[in-house]
């Protein structure tokens, strides 16, 4: 799936698994899309978190965040077979700033 989103933050992580000691590392990002619907109890856009690769992290680091990016996503099986979203590419579209 392809869409334009506002990427708020991208993070690299690395930590040991508490049970096995195995090093777990990866990247994630926090973003907002405009596909969410207003309800009686919610207005606005809720940030979403997705896994991503070091290559996508590097692309975001190059152009900074927050910013508008064209992303590609795919679904992957996660814990207990639950589908999880993975961002496979992020192409910079334009900068974003709250400054007036």
C-alpha atoms as a PDB file:
ATOM      1  CA  UNK A   1       0.000   0.000   0.000  1.00  0.00           C
ATOM      2  CA  UNK A   2       1.231   3.492  -0.806  1.00  0.00           C
ATOM      3  CA  UNK A   3       0.187   6.709   0.926  1.00  0.00           C
ATOM      4  CA  UNK A   4       1.417  10.122   2.011  1.00  0.00           C
ATOM      5  CA  UNK A   5       1.825  10.466   5.773  1.00  0.00           C
ATOM      6  CA  UNK A   6       3.266  12.812   8.360  1.00  0.00           C
ATOM      7  CA  UNK A   7       6.182  10.994  10.002  1.00  0.00           C
ATOM      8  CA  UNK A   8       6.587  12.365  13.503  1.00  0.00           C
ATOM      9  CA  UNK A   9       9.572  10.331  14.686  1.00  0.00           C
ATOM     10  CA  UNK A  10      11.746   7.359  13.765  1.00  0.00           C
ATOM     11  CA  UNK A  11      13.702   5.384  16.355  1.00  0.00           C
ATOM     12  CA  UNK A  12      16.405   2.697  16.339  1.00  0.00           C
ATOM     13  CA  UNK A  13      16.374   0.289  19.261  1.00  0.00           C
ATOM     14  CA  UNK A  14      18.613  -2.440  20.650  1.00  0.00           C
ATOM     15  CA  UNK A  15      18.087  -4.375  23.882  1.00  0.00           C
ATOM     16  CA  UNK A  16      18.572  -7.894  25.305  1.00  0.00           C
ATOM     17  CA  UNK A  17      15.633 -10.298  25.530  1.00  0.00           C
ATOM     18  CA  UNK A  18      14.947 -10.716  29.257  1.00  0.00           C
ATOM     19  CA  UNK A  19      14.459 -14.497  28.990  1.00  0.00           C
ATOM     20  CA  UNK A  20      17.074 -15.534  26.417  1.00  0.00           C
ATOM     21  CA  UNK A  21      19.614 -12.707  26.450  1.00  0.00           C
ATOM     22  CA  UNK A  22      19.324 -12.539  22.651  1.00  0.00           C
ATOM     23  CA  UNK A  23      19.917  -9.014  21.320  1.00  0.00           C
ATOM     24  CA  UNK A  24      16.762  -7.599  19.760  1.00  0.00           C
ATOM     25  CA  UNK A  25      17.267  -4.663  17.435  1.00  0.00           C
ATOM     26  CA  UNK A  26      15.303  -2.825  14.829  1.00  0.00           C
ATOM     27  CA  UNK A  27      13.670   0.439  13.881  1.00  0.00           C
ATOM     28  CA  UNK A  28      10.206   1.880  14.273  1.00  0.00           C
ATOM     29  CA  UNK A  29       8.400   5.022  13.301  1.00  0.00           C
ATOM     30  CA  UNK A  30       5.447   7.027  14.513  1.00  0.00           C
ATOM     31  CA  UNK A  31       3.230   8.569  11.853  1.00  0.00           C
ATOM     32  CA  UNK A  32      -0.165  10.077  11.106  1.00  0.00           C
ATOM     33  CA  UNK A  33      -2.270   9.352   8.032  1.00  0.00           C
ATOM     34  CA  UNK A  34      -5.481  10.999   6.897  1.00  0.00           C
ATOM     35  CA  UNK A  35      -7.476   7.775   6.490  1.00  0.00           C
ATOM     36  CA  UNK A  36      -8.908   7.869   9.998  1.00  0.00           C
ATOM     37  CA  UNK A  37     -12.557   8.696  10.524  1.00  0.00           C
ATOM     38  CA  UNK A  38     -14.084  11.033  13.068  1.00  0.00           C
ATOM     39  CA  UNK A  39     -16.397   9.354  15.561  1.00  0.00           C
ATOM     40  CA  UNK A  40     -18.727  10.563  18.310  1.00  0.00           C
ATOM     41  CA  UNK A  41     -15.886  10.153  20.815  1.00  0.00           C
ATOM     42  CA  UNK A  42     -12.752  10.917  18.756  1.00  0.00           C
ATOM     43  CA  UNK A  43     -11.704  13.873  16.620  1.00  0.00           C
ATOM     44  CA  UNK A  44      -8.423  14.232  14.733  1.00  0.00           C
ATOM     45  CA  UNK A  45      -5.736  11.788  13.777  1.00  0.00           C
ATOM     46  CA  UNK A  46      -4.290   9.152  16.103  1.00  0.00           C
ATOM     47  CA  UNK A  47      -0.557   8.469  15.640  1.00  0.00           C
ATOM     48  CA  UNK A  48       0.307   4.938  14.532  1.00  0.00           C
ATOM     49  CA  UNK A  49       3.498   2.988  15.164  1.00  0.00           C
ATOM     50  CA  UNK A  50       5.061   0.629  12.627  1.00  0.00           C
ATOM     51  CA  UNK A  51       8.247  -1.388  12.281  1.00  0.00           C
ATOM     52  CA  UNK A  52      10.705  -0.415   9.597  1.00  0.00           C
ATOM     53  CA  UNK A  53      14.240  -1.116   8.357  1.00  0.00           C
ATOM     54  CA  UNK A  54      17.571   0.621   8.933  1.00  0.00           C
ATOM     55  CA  UNK A  55      17.410   1.804   5.303  1.00  0.00           C
ATOM     56  CA  UNK A  56      14.099   3.586   5.927  1.00  0.00           C
ATOM     57  CA  UNK A  57      15.478   5.011   9.191  1.00  0.00           C
ATOM     58  CA  UNK A  58      18.489   6.383   7.243  1.00  0.00           C
ATOM     59  CA  UNK A  59      16.203   7.985   4.618  1.00  0.00           C
ATOM     60  CA  UNK A  60      14.189   9.712   7.342  1.00  0.00           C
ATOM     61  CA  UNK A  61      17.346  10.785   9.174  1.00  0.00           C
ATOM     62  CA  UNK A  62      18.630  12.379   5.951  1.00  0.00           C
ATOM     63  CA  UNK A  63      15.553  14.571   5.454  1.00  0.00           C
ATOM     64  CA  UNK A  64      14.525  14.866   9.133  1.00  0.00           C
ATOM     65  CA  UNK A  65      11.187  14.549  10.885  1.00  0.00           C
ATOM     66  CA  UNK A  66       8.539  15.649  11.269  1.00  0.00           C
ATOM     67  CA  UNK A  67       7.960  15.765   7.535  1.00  0.00           C
ATOM     68  CA  UNK A  68       5.612  14.485   4.850  1.00  0.00           C
ATOM     69  CA  UNK A  69       6.773  11.221   3.266  1.00  0.00           C
ATOM     70  CA  UNK A  70       5.347   8.881   0.639  1.00  0.00           C
ATOM     71  CA  UNK A  71       5.523   5.465   2.284  1.00  0.00           C
ATOM     72  CA  UNK A  72       5.035   1.899   1.132  1.00  0.00           C
ATOM     73  CA  UNK A  73       3.744  -0.637   3.637  1.00  0.00           C
ATOM     74  CA  UNK A  74       3.175  -4.360   3.832  1.00  0.00           C
ATOM     75  CA  UNK A  75       1.679  -6.713   6.383  1.00  0.00           C
ATOM     76  CA  UNK A  76       3.847  -9.255   8.204  1.00  0.00           C
ATOM     77  CA  UNK A  77       2.882 -11.917  10.697  1.00  0.00           C
ATOM     78  CA  UNK A  78       3.668 -10.733  14.215  1.00  0.00           C
ATOM     79  CA  UNK A  79       3.257 -12.197  17.679  1.00  0.00           C
ATOM     80  CA  UNK A  80       0.722 -15.039  17.735  1.00  0.00           C
ATOM     81  CA  UNK A  81       0.199 -14.635  13.966  1.00  0.00           C
ATOM     82  CA  UNK A  82      -1.348 -11.191  14.362  1.00  0.00           C
ATOM     83  CA  UNK A  83      -0.771  -9.006  11.288  1.00  0.00           C
ATOM     84  CA  UNK A  84       1.595  -6.090  11.825  1.00  0.00           C
ATOM     85  CA  UNK A  85       2.374  -3.183   9.513  1.00  0.00           C
ATOM     86  CA  UNK A  86       5.926  -2.741   8.256  1.00  0.00           C
ATOM     87  CA  UNK A  87       7.007   0.398   6.390  1.00  0.00           C
ATOM     88  CA  UNK A  88       9.211  -0.777   3.494  1.00  0.00           C
ATOM     89  CA  UNK A  89      10.132   2.607   1.992  1.00  0.00           C
ATOM     90  CA  UNK A  90       9.833   6.309   2.775  1.00  0.00           C
ATOM     91  CA  UNK A  91      10.413   9.005   0.158  1.00  0.00           C
ATOM     92  CA  UNK A  92      10.648  12.612   1.329  1.00  0.00           C
ATOM     93  CA  UNK A  93       7.864  14.860  -0.029  1.00  0.00           C
ATOM     94  CA  UNK A  94       8.118  18.093   1.956  1.00  0.00           C
ATOM     95  CA  UNK A  95       9.152  19.536   5.308  1.00  0.00           C
ATOM     96  CA  UNK A  96       6.669  20.144   8.102  1.00  0.00           C
ATOM     97  CA  UNK A  97       6.865  22.718  10.873  1.00  0.00           C
ATOM     98  CA  UNK A  98       4.523  23.997  13.557  1.00  0.00           C
ATOM     99  CA  UNK A  99       6.289  27.366  13.565  1.00  0.00           C
ATOM    100  CA  UNK A 100       4.108  30.214  12.316  1.00  0.00           C
END
